[in-house]
PDB file of N, CA and C in Angstrom:
ATOM      1  N   MET A   1       3.425  -6.563 -12.503  1.00  0.00           N
ATOM      2  CA  MET A   1       2.768  -6.565 -11.284  1.00  0.00           C
ATOM      3  C   MET A   1       1.439  -5.617 -11.588  1.00  0.00           C
ATOM      4  N   THR A   2       0.456  -5.975 -11.074  1.00  0.00           N
ATOM      5  CA  THR A   2      -0.842  -5.249 -11.083  1.00  0.00           C
ATOM      6  C   THR A   2      -1.259  -5.032  -9.625  1.00  0.00           C
ATOM      7  N   ILE A   3      -2.095  -4.038  -9.445  1.00  0.00           N
ATOM      8  CA  ILE A   3      -2.698  -3.716  -8.142  1.00  0.00           C
ATOM      9  C   ILE A   3      -4.115  -3.661  -8.111  1.00  0.00           C
ATOM     10  N   ASP A   4      -4.718  -4.423  -7.189  1.00  0.00           N
ATOM     11  CA  ASP A   4      -6.187  -4.181  -6.968  1.00  0.00           C
ATOM     12  C   ASP A   4      -6.383  -3.362  -5.614  1.00  0.00           C
ATOM     13  N   PRO A   5      -6.645  -1.955  -5.770  1.00  0.00           N
ATOM     14  CA  PRO A   5      -6.538  -1.166  -4.487  1.00  0.00           C
ATOM     15  C   PRO A   5      -7.553  -1.601  -3.437  1.00  0.00           C
ATOM     16  N   ILE A   6      -8.676  -2.079  -3.783  1.00  0.00           N
ATOM     17  CA  ILE A   6      -9.693  -2.493  -2.905  1.00  0.00           C
ATOM     18  C   ILE A   6     -10.200  -3.858  -3.250  1.00  0.00           C
ATOM     19  N   GLN A   7      -9.560  -4.907  -2.605  1.00  0.00           N
ATOM     20  CA  GLN A   7     -10.000  -6.350  -2.902  1.00  0.00           C
ATOM     21  C   GLN A   7     -11.048  -6.752  -1.876  1.00  0.00           C
ATOM     22  N   GLY A   8     -11.174  -6.191  -0.775  1.00  0.00           N
ATOM     23  CA  GLY A   8     -12.181  -6.594   0.222  1.00  0.00           C
ATOM     24  C   GLY A   8     -11.940  -5.881   1.587  1.00  0.00           C
ATOM     25  N   LYS A   9     -12.561  -6.445   2.611  1.00  0.00           N
ATOM     26  CA  LYS A   9     -12.437  -5.933   3.960  1.00  0.00           C
ATOM     27  C   LYS A   9     -11.987  -7.068   4.853  1.00  0.00           C
ATOM     28  N   ASP A  10     -11.178  -6.703   5.848  1.00  0.00           N
ATOM     29  CA  ASP A  10     -10.821  -7.707   6.839  1.00  0.00           C
ATOM     30  C   ASP A  10     -11.781  -7.830   7.952  1.00  0.00           C
ATOM     31  N   ASN A  11     -11.364  -8.707   8.867  1.00  0.00           N
ATOM     32  CA  ASN A  11     -12.312  -8.965  10.087  1.00  0.00           C
ATOM     33  C   ASN A  11     -12.500  -7.682  10.830  1.00  0.00           C
ATOM     34  N   ASP A  12     -11.758  -6.661  10.816  1.00  0.00           N
ATOM     35  CA  ASP A  12     -11.915  -5.425  11.521  1.00  0.00           C
ATOM     36  C   ASP A  12     -12.469  -4.262  10.667  1.00  0.00           C
ATOM     37  N   ASP A  13     -13.062  -4.777   9.558  1.00  0.00           N
ATOM     38  CA  ASP A  13     -13.629  -3.789   8.521  1.00  0.00           C
ATOM     39  C   ASP A  13     -12.814  -2.865   7.899  1.00  0.00           C
ATOM     40  N   ASN A  14     -11.456  -3.255   7.756  1.00  0.00           N
ATOM     41  CA  ASN A  14     -10.460  -2.359   7.145  1.00  0.00           C
ATOM     42  C   ASN A  14     -10.360  -2.892   5.680  1.00  0.00           C
ATOM     43  N   GLU A  15     -10.421  -1.842   4.662  1.00  0.00           N
ATOM     44  CA  GLU A  15     -10.337  -2.216   3.382  1.00  0.00           C
ATOM     45  C   GLU A  15      -8.834  -2.740   3.110  1.00  0.00           C
ATOM     46  N   PHE A  16      -8.746  -3.736   2.245  1.00  0.00           N
ATOM     47  CA  PHE A  16      -7.292  -4.215   1.812  1.00  0.00           C
ATOM     48  C   PHE A  16      -7.218  -4.271   0.456  1.00  0.00           C
ATOM     49  N   GLY A  17      -5.969  -4.259  -0.067  1.00  0.00           N
ATOM     50  CA  GLY A  17      -5.747  -4.356  -1.544  1.00  0.00           C
ATOM     51  C   GLY A  17      -4.783  -5.556  -1.719  1.00  0.00           C
ATOM     52  N   TYR A  18      -4.502  -5.737  -3.080  1.00  0.00           N
ATOM     53  CA  TYR A  18      -3.667  -6.787  -3.374  1.00  0.00           C
ATOM     54  C   TYR A  18      -2.752  -6.395  -4.574  1.00  0.00           C
ATOM     55  N   ILE A  19      -1.502  -6.793  -4.448  1.00  0.00           N
ATOM     56  CA  ILE A  19      -0.513  -6.711  -5.440  1.00  0.00           C
ATOM     57  C   ILE A  19      -0.235  -8.072  -6.123  1.00  0.00           C
ATOM     58  N   GLU A  20      -0.610  -8.136  -7.398  1.00  0.00           N
ATOM     59  CA  GLU A  20      -0.583  -9.553  -8.068  1.00  0.00           C
ATOM     60  C   GLU A  20       0.737  -9.618  -8.807  1.00  0.00           C
ATOM     61  N   LEU A  21       1.591 -10.499  -8.625  1.00  0.00           N
ATOM     62  CA  LEU A  21       2.594 -10.610  -9.542  1.00  0.00           C
ATOM     63  C   LEU A  21       2.245 -11.369 -10.786  1.00  0.00           C
ATOM     64  N   SER A  22       2.988 -10.995 -11.930  1.00  0.00           N
ATOM     65  CA  SER A  22       2.533 -11.466 -13.222  1.00  0.00           C
ATOM     66  C   SER A  22       2.515 -13.023 -13.279  1.00  0.00           C
ATOM     67  N   GLY A  23       1.796 -13.530 -14.179  1.00  0.00           N
ATOM     68  CA  GLY A  23       1.687 -14.970 -14.106  1.00  0.00           C
ATOM     69  C   GLY A  23       1.111 -15.486 -12.941  1.00  0.00           C
ATOM     70  N   GLU A  24       1.462 -16.762 -12.618  1.00  0.00           N
ATOM     71  CA  GLU A  24       1.048 -17.363 -11.436  1.00  0.00           C
ATOM     72  C   GLU A  24       2.177 -17.403 -10.338  1.00  0.00           C
ATOM     73  N   ASN A  25       2.467 -16.246  -9.987  1.00  0.00           N
ATOM     74  CA  ASN A  25       3.645 -16.125  -9.048  1.00  0.00           C
ATOM     75  C   ASN A  25       3.168 -15.513  -7.673  1.00  0.00           C
ATOM     76  N   GLY A  26       1.930 -15.509  -7.383  1.00  0.00           N
ATOM     77  CA  GLY A  26       1.477 -15.115  -6.160  1.00  0.00           C
ATOM     78  C   GLY A  26       1.356 -13.583  -5.980  1.00  0.00           C
ATOM     79  N   GLY A  27       1.445 -13.154  -4.726  1.00  0.00           N
ATOM     80  CA  GLY A  27       1.288 -11.696  -4.495  1.00  0.00           C
ATOM     81  C   GLY A  27       1.278 -11.398  -3.079  1.00  0.00           C
ATOM     82  N   TYR A  28       0.806 -10.085  -2.941  1.00  0.00           N
ATOM     83  CA  TYR A  28       1.067  -9.424  -1.561  1.00  0.00           C
ATOM     84  C   TYR A  28      -0.220  -8.690  -1.208  1.00  0.00           C
ATOM     85  N   PHE A  29      -0.709  -8.647  -0.008  1.00  0.00           N
ATOM     86  CA  PHE A  29      -1.774  -7.996   0.581  1.00  0.00           C
ATOM     87  C   PHE A  29      -1.185  -6.682   1.216  1.00  0.00           C
ATOM     88  N   PHE A  30      -1.932  -5.580   1.261  1.00  0.00           N
ATOM     89  CA  PHE A  30      -1.719  -4.464   2.142  1.00  0.00           C
ATOM     90  C   PHE A  30      -3.091  -4.039   2.680  1.00  0.00           C
ATOM     91  N   THR A  31      -3.170  -3.305   3.721  1.00  0.00           N
ATOM     92  CA  THR A  31      -4.374  -2.819   4.410  1.00  0.00           C
ATOM     93  C   THR A  31      -4.197  -1.319   4.419  1.00  0.00           C
ATOM     94  N   TRP A  32      -5.376  -0.676   4.095  1.00  0.00           N
ATOM     95  CA  TRP A  32      -5.453   0.773   3.988  1.00  0.00           C
ATOM     96  C   TRP A  32      -5.616   1.215   5.478  1.00  0.00           C
ATOM     97  N   ARG A  33      -4.609   1.956   5.959  1.00  0.00           N
ATOM     98  CA  ARG A  33      -4.601   2.616   7.236  1.00  0.00           C
ATOM     99  C   ARG A  33      -4.734   4.033   7.275  1.00  0.00           C
ATOM    100  N   ASP A  34      -4.711   4.795   8.414  1.00  0.00           N
ATOM    101  CA  ASP A  34      -4.899   6.229   8.542  1.00  0.00           C
ATOM    102  C   ASP A  34      -3.831   6.985   7.883  1.00  0.00           C
ATOM    103  N   ASN A  35      -2.709   6.433   7.633  1.00  0.00           N
ATOM    104  CA  ASN A  35      -1.454   7.179   7.114  1.00  0.00           C
ATOM    105  C   ASN A  35      -0.824   6.213   6.171  1.00  0.00           C
ATOM    106  N   LEU A  36      -0.060   6.910   5.308  1.00  0.00           N
ATOM    107  CA  LEU A  36       0.784   6.190   4.360  1.00  0.00           C
ATOM    108  C   LEU A  36       1.903   5.157   4.895  1.00  0.00           C
ATOM    109  N   ARG A  37       2.592   5.700   5.931  1.00  0.00           N
ATOM    110  CA  ARG A  37       3.499   5.015   6.695  1.00  0.00           C
ATOM    111  C   ARG A  37       2.925   3.514   7.107  1.00  0.00           C
ATOM    112  N   ASP A  38       1.896   3.593   7.814  1.00  0.00           N
ATOM    113  CA  ASP A  38       1.200   2.370   8.377  1.00  0.00           C
ATOM    114  C   ASP A  38       0.612   1.483   7.288  1.00  0.00           C
ATOM    115  N   THR A  39       0.156   2.128   6.082  1.00  0.00           N
ATOM    116  CA  THR A  39      -0.337   1.316   4.962  1.00  0.00           C
ATOM    117  C   THR A  39       0.841   0.581   4.407  1.00  0.00           C
ATOM    118  N   LEU A  40       2.046   1.304   4.289  1.00  0.00           N
ATOM    119  CA  LEU A  40       3.129   0.710   3.681  1.00  0.00           C
ATOM    120  C   LEU A  40       3.811  -0.513   4.604  1.00  0.00           C
ATOM    121  N   ARG A  41       3.621  -0.308   5.932  1.00  0.00           N
ATOM    122  CA  ARG A  41       4.124  -1.339   6.836  1.00  0.00           C
ATOM    123  C   ARG A  41       3.082  -2.553   6.929  1.00  0.00           C
ATOM    124  N   SER A  42       1.882  -2.372   6.298  1.00  0.00           N
ATOM    125  CA  SER A  42       1.092  -3.575   6.283  1.00  0.00           C
ATOM    126  C   SER A  42       1.342  -4.480   5.168  1.00  0.00           C
ATOM    127  N   ILE A  43       2.222  -4.318   4.174  1.00  0.00           N
ATOM    128  CA  ILE A  43       2.401  -5.121   2.929  1.00  0.00           C
ATOM    129  C   ILE A  43       3.033  -6.415   3.644  1.00  0.00           C
ATOM    130  N   GLU A  44       2.189  -7.477   3.173  1.00  0.00           N
ATOM    131  CA  GLU A  44       2.773  -8.891   3.578  1.00  0.00           C
ATOM    132  C   GLU A  44       2.379  -9.845   2.458  1.00  0.00           C
ATOM    133  N   PRO A  45       3.183 -10.943   2.287  1.00  0.00           N
ATOM    134  CA  PRO A  45       3.010 -11.970   1.306  1.00  0.00           C
ATOM    135  C   PRO A  45       1.576 -12.646   1.639  1.00  0.00           C
ATOM    136  N   ASP A  46       0.980 -13.013   0.447  1.00  0.00           N
ATOM    137  CA  ASP A  46      -0.142 -13.911   0.464  1.00  0.00           C
ATOM    138  C   ASP A  46       0.090 -15.198   1.027  1.00  0.00           C
ATOM    139  N   GLN A  47      -0.493 -15.688   2.096  1.00  0.00           N
ATOM    140  CA  GLN A  47      -0.182 -16.891   2.688  1.00  0.00           C
ATOM    141  C   GLN A  47      -0.672 -18.003   1.972  1.00  0.00           C
ATOM    142  N   MET A  48      -1.768 -17.850   1.125  1.00  0.00           N
ATOM    143  CA  MET A  48      -2.352 -18.958   0.303  1.00  0.00           C
ATOM    144  C   MET A  48      -1.717 -19.180  -1.055  1.00  0.00           C
ATOM    145  N   ASP A  49      -1.254 -18.057  -1.507  1.00  0.00           N
ATOM    146  CA  ASP A  49      -0.695 -18.105  -2.882  1.00  0.00           C
ATOM    147  C   ASP A  49       0.724 -17.261  -2.654  1.00  0.00           C
ATOM    148  N   ARG A  50       1.649 -17.956  -2.048  1.00  0.00           N
ATOM    149  CA  ARG A  50       2.843 -17.205  -1.734  1.00  0.00           C
ATOM    150  C   ARG A  50       3.672 -16.746  -3.072  1.00  0.00           C
ATOM    151  N   PRO A  51       4.257 -15.554  -2.899  1.00  0.00           N
ATOM    152  CA  PRO A  51       5.056 -15.105  -4.023  1.00  0.00           C
ATOM    153  C   PRO A  51       6.196 -16.166  -4.463  1.00  0.00           C
ATOM    154  N   ARG A  52       6.191 -16.423  -5.625  1.00  0.00           N
ATOM    155  CA  ARG A  52       7.339 -17.497  -6.054  1.00  0.00           C
ATOM    156  C   ARG A  52       8.524 -16.741  -6.777  1.00  0.00           C
ATOM    157  N   ARG A  53       8.592 -15.439  -6.647  1.00  0.00           N
ATOM    158  CA  ARG A  53       9.783 -14.793  -7.116  1.00  0.00           C
ATOM    159  C   ARG A  53      10.050 -13.502  -6.262  1.00  0.00           C
ATOM    160  N   TYR A  54      11.256 -13.153  -6.260  1.00  0.00           N
ATOM    161  CA  TYR A  54      11.637 -12.049  -5.371  1.00  0.00           C
ATOM    162  C   TYR A  54      11.168 -10.633  -6.005  1.00  0.00           C
ATOM    163  N   VAL A  55      10.567  -9.934  -5.092  1.00  0.00           N
ATOM    164  CA  VAL A  55      10.164  -8.429  -5.515  1.00  0.00           C
ATOM    165  C   VAL A  55      10.657  -7.616  -4.333  1.00  0.00           C
ATOM    166  N   SER A  56      11.357  -6.593  -4.734  1.00  0.00           N
ATOM    167  CA  SER A  56      12.030  -5.716  -3.712  1.00  0.00           C
ATOM    168  C   SER A  56      10.932  -4.946  -2.840  1.00  0.00           C
ATOM    169  N   THR A  57      11.206  -4.694  -1.709  1.00  0.00           N
ATOM    170  CA  THR A  57      10.250  -3.805  -0.852  1.00  0.00           C
ATOM    171  C   THR A  57      10.155  -2.472  -1.616  1.00  0.00           C
ATOM    172  N   ALA A  58      11.040  -1.887  -2.119  1.00  0.00           N
ATOM    173  CA  ALA A  58      10.979  -0.625  -2.865  1.00  0.00           C
ATOM    174  C   ALA A  58       9.880  -0.651  -3.954  1.00  0.00           C
ATOM    175  N   SER A  59       9.898  -1.708  -4.657  1.00  0.00           N
ATOM    176  CA  SER A  59       8.996  -1.955  -5.658  1.00  0.00           C
ATOM    177  C   SER A  59       7.603  -2.101  -5.185  1.00  0.00           C
ATOM    178  N   LEU A  60       7.520  -2.972  -4.035  1.00  0.00           N
ATOM    179  CA  LEU A  60       5.950  -2.991  -3.601  1.00  0.00           C
ATOM    180  C   LEU A  60       5.494  -1.671  -2.957  1.00  0.00           C
ATOM    181  N   GLU A  61       6.410  -0.969  -2.300  1.00  0.00           N
ATOM    182  CA  GLU A  61       5.982   0.288  -1.597  1.00  0.00           C
ATOM    183  C   GLU A  61       5.644   1.186  -2.732  1.00  0.00           C
ATOM    184  N   ARG A  62       6.309   1.294  -3.823  1.00  0.00           N
ATOM    185  CA  ARG A  62       6.070   2.250  -4.973  1.00  0.00           C
ATOM    186  C   ARG A  62       4.735   1.951  -5.555  1.00  0.00           C
ATOM    187  N   MET A  63       4.348   0.652  -5.716  1.00  0.00           N
ATOM    188  CA  MET A  63       2.890   0.396  -6.195  1.00  0.00           C
ATOM    189  C   MET A  63       1.851   0.933  -5.228  1.00  0.00           C
ATOM    190  N   VAL A  64       2.132   0.746  -3.821  1.00  0.00           N
ATOM    191  CA  VAL A  64       1.214   1.217  -2.785  1.00  0.00           C
ATOM    192  C   VAL A  64       1.074   2.723  -2.789  1.00  0.00           C
ATOM    193  N   ARG A  65       2.255   3.347  -2.944  1.00  0.00           N
ATOM    194  CA  ARG A  65       2.317   4.781  -2.983  1.00  0.00           C
ATOM    195  C   ARG A  65       1.381   5.401  -4.154  1.00  0.00           C
ATOM    196  N   ARG A  66       1.497   4.706  -5.260  1.00  0.00           N
ATOM    197  CA  ARG A  66       0.656   5.157  -6.451  1.00  0.00           C
ATOM    198  C   ARG A  66      -0.742   5.016  -6.111  1.00  0.00           C
ATOM    199  N   ALA A  67      -1.090   3.824  -5.601  1.00  0.00           N
ATOM    200  CA  ALA A  67      -2.387   3.634  -5.177  1.00  0.00           C
ATOM    201  C   ALA A  67      -3.091   4.527  -4.144  1.00  0.00           C
ATOM    202  N   TRP A  68      -2.102   4.978  -3.302  1.00  0.00           N
ATOM    203  CA  TRP A  68      -2.443   6.008  -2.202  1.00  0.00           C
ATOM    204  C   TRP A  68      -2.761   7.370  -2.848  1.00  0.00           C
ATOM    205  N   ARG A  69      -1.905   7.758  -3.810  1.00  0.00           N
ATOM    206  CA  ARG A  69      -2.122   9.022  -4.582  1.00  0.00           C
ATOM    207  C   ARG A  69      -3.332   8.944  -5.365  1.00  0.00           C
ATOM    208  N   SER A  70      -3.607   7.859  -5.922  1.00  0.00           N
ATOM    209  CA  SER A  70      -4.851   7.743  -6.693  1.00  0.00           C
ATOM    210  C   SER A  70      -6.064   7.583  -5.816  1.00  0.00           C
ATOM    211  N   ARG A  71      -5.999   7.111  -4.718  1.00  0.00           N
ATOM    212  CA  ARG A  71      -7.142   7.095  -3.780  1.00  0.00           C
ATOM    213  C   ARG A  71      -7.286   8.463  -3.223  1.00  0.00           C
ATOM    214  N   TYR A  72      -6.353   9.167  -2.745  1.00  0.00           N
ATOM    215  CA  TYR A  72      -6.535  10.317  -1.892  1.00  0.00           C
ATOM    216  C   TYR A  72      -6.288  11.521  -2.636  1.00  0.00           C
ATOM    217  N   GLY A  73      -5.849  11.609  -3.935  1.00  0.00           N
ATOM    218  CA  GLY A  73      -5.493  12.693  -4.685  1.00  0.00           C
ATOM    219  C   GLY A  73      -3.968  12.855  -4.428  1.00  0.00           C
ATOM    220  N   SER A  74      -3.378  14.030  -4.397  1.00  0.00           N
ATOM    221  CA  SER A  74      -1.890  14.123  -4.168  1.00  0.00           C
ATOM    222  C   SER A  74      -1.501  13.670  -2.863  1.00  0.00           C
ATOM    223  N   CYS A  75      -2.306  13.968  -1.837  1.00  0.00           N
ATOM    224  CA  CYS A  75      -1.925  13.578  -0.444  1.00  0.00           C
ATOM    225  C   CYS A  75      -3.117  14.125   0.424  1.00  0.00           C
ATOM    226  N   ARG A  76      -3.578  13.505   1.422  1.00  0.00           N
ATOM    227  CA  ARG A  76      -4.528  14.042   2.418  1.00  0.00           C
ATOM    228  C   ARG A  76      -3.786  14.404   3.657  1.00  0.00           C
ATOM    229  N   ALA A  77      -3.638  15.642   3.841  1.00  0.00           N
ATOM    230  CA  ALA A  77      -2.924  16.165   5.083  1.00  0.00           C
ATOM    231  C   ALA A  77      -3.542  15.561   6.385  1.00  0.00           C
ATOM    232  N   ASP A  78      -4.901  15.547   6.236  1.00  0.00           N
ATOM    233  CA  ASP A  78      -5.698  15.134   7.371  1.00  0.00           C
ATOM    234  C   ASP A  78      -5.456  13.604   7.705  1.00  0.00           C
ATOM    235  N   ALA A  79      -5.048  12.878   6.686  1.00  0.00           N
ATOM    236  CA  ALA A  79      -4.787  11.389   6.956  1.00  0.00           C
ATOM    237  C   ALA A  79      -3.526  11.085   7.379  1.00  0.00           C
ATOM    238  N   ILE A  80      -2.631  12.258   7.257  1.00  0.00           N
ATOM    239  CA  ILE A  80      -1.238  12.118   7.761  1.00  0.00           C
ATOM    240  C   ILE A  80      -0.991  13.031   8.958  1.00  0.00           C
ATOM    241  N   ALA A  81      -1.917  13.167   9.700  1.00  0.00           N
ATOM    242  CA  ALA A  81      -1.915  14.245  10.731  1.00  0.00           C
ATOM    243  C   ALA A  81      -0.992  13.836  12.052  1.00  0.00           C
ATOM    244  N   ARG A  82      -0.401  12.820  11.915  1.00  0.00           N
ATOM    245  CA  ARG A  82       0.398  12.397  13.197  1.00  0.00           C
ATOM    246  C   ARG A  82       1.671  13.187  13.300  1.00  0.00           C
ATOM    247  N   SER A  83       2.225  13.260  14.405  1.00  0.00           N
ATOM    248  CA  SER A  83       3.356  13.995  14.596  1.00  0.00           C
ATOM    249  C   SER A  83       4.712  13.594  13.919  1.00  0.00           C
ATOM    250  N   GLU A  84       4.656  12.129  13.845  1.00  0.00           N
ATOM    251  CA  GLU A  84       5.828  11.448  13.018  1.00  0.00           C
ATOM    252  C   GLU A  84       5.311  11.087  11.653  1.00  0.00           C
ATOM    253  N   ARG A  85       6.034  11.896  10.760  1.00  0.00           N
ATOM    254  CA  ARG A  85       5.783  11.643   9.378  1.00  0.00           C
ATOM    255  C   ARG A  85       7.002  11.157   8.515  1.00  0.00           C
ATOM    256  N   SER A  86       6.632  10.286   7.680  1.00  0.00           N
ATOM    257  CA  SER A  86       7.868   9.737   6.857  1.00  0.00           C
ATOM    258  C   SER A  86       8.217  10.831   5.857  1.00  0.00           C
ATOM    259  N   SER A  87       9.328  10.610   5.367  1.00  0.00           N
ATOM    260  CA  SER A  87       9.887  11.589   4.259  1.00  0.00           C
ATOM    261  C   SER A  87       8.954  11.429   3.092  1.00  0.00           C
ATOM    262  N   CYS A  88       8.433  10.349   2.778  1.00  0.00           N
ATOM    263  CA  CYS A  88       7.581  10.324   1.638  1.00  0.00           C
ATOM    264  C   CYS A  88       6.206  11.129   1.751  1.00  0.00           C
ATOM    265  N   GLU A  89       5.628  11.072   3.054  1.00  0.00           N
ATOM    266  CA  GLU A  89       4.435  11.866   3.335  1.00  0.00           C
ATOM    267  C   GLU A  89       4.880  13.270   3.241  1.00  0.00           C
ATOM    268  N   LEU A  90       5.932  13.691   3.967  1.00  0.00           N
ATOM    269  CA  LEU A  90       6.303  15.096   3.786  1.00  0.00           C
ATOM    270  C   LEU A  90       6.517  15.595   2.410  1.00  0.00           C
ATOM    271  N   ALA A  91       7.227  14.817   1.709  1.00  0.00           N
ATOM    272  CA  ALA A  91       7.463  15.298   0.256  1.00  0.00           C
ATOM    273  C   ALA A  91       6.003  15.384  -0.437  1.00  0.00           C
ATOM    274  N   CYS A  92       5.250  14.447  -0.147  1.00  0.00           N
ATOM    275  CA  CYS A  92       3.920  14.476  -0.846  1.00  0.00           C
ATOM    276  C   CYS A  92       3.057  15.741  -0.393  1.00  0.00           C
ATOM    277  N   ILE A  93       3.169  16.106   0.802  1.00  0.00           N
ATOM    278  CA  ILE A  93       2.530  17.319   1.308  1.00  0.00           C
ATOM    279  C   ILE A  93       3.137  18.619   0.870  1.00  0.00           C
ATOM    280  N   LEU A  94       4.486  18.571   0.751  1.00  0.00           N
ATOM    281  CA  LEU A  94       5.096  19.882   0.264  1.00  0.00           C
ATOM    282  C   LEU A  94       5.044  20.077  -1.226  1.00  0.00           C
ATOM    283  N   HIS A  95       5.104  18.856  -1.939  1.00  0.00           N
ATOM    284  CA  HIS A  95       5.171  18.982  -3.533  1.00  0.00           C
ATOM    285  C   HIS A  95       4.001  18.372  -4.187  1.00  0.00           C
ATOM    286  N   GLY A  96       2.999  17.973  -3.485  1.00  0.00           N
ATOM    287  CA  GLY A  96       1.816  17.464  -4.040  1.00  0.00           C
ATOM    288  C   GLY A  96       1.921  16.257  -4.780  1.00  0.00           C
TER     289      GLY A  96
END
């Protein structure tokens, strides 16, 4: 799997990325949101080039988490400023 962290912008001007499965196996889109939790929730299969093999949600989320850290450094506390924080976000804030 490879990830293109910024493949374009959607109709609402949000940047989105793409996780391409190896070979001609399709892929998944995700949209950059204000926090990691919502970014992870945005992962969805490509409707035009549907994934042709199973990929676990954990694997997809791991790829997006790496892209998040690469994009924002260890973590951006200001980007995760909501009262509800996922354990991943908390761990990122506490441990960098």
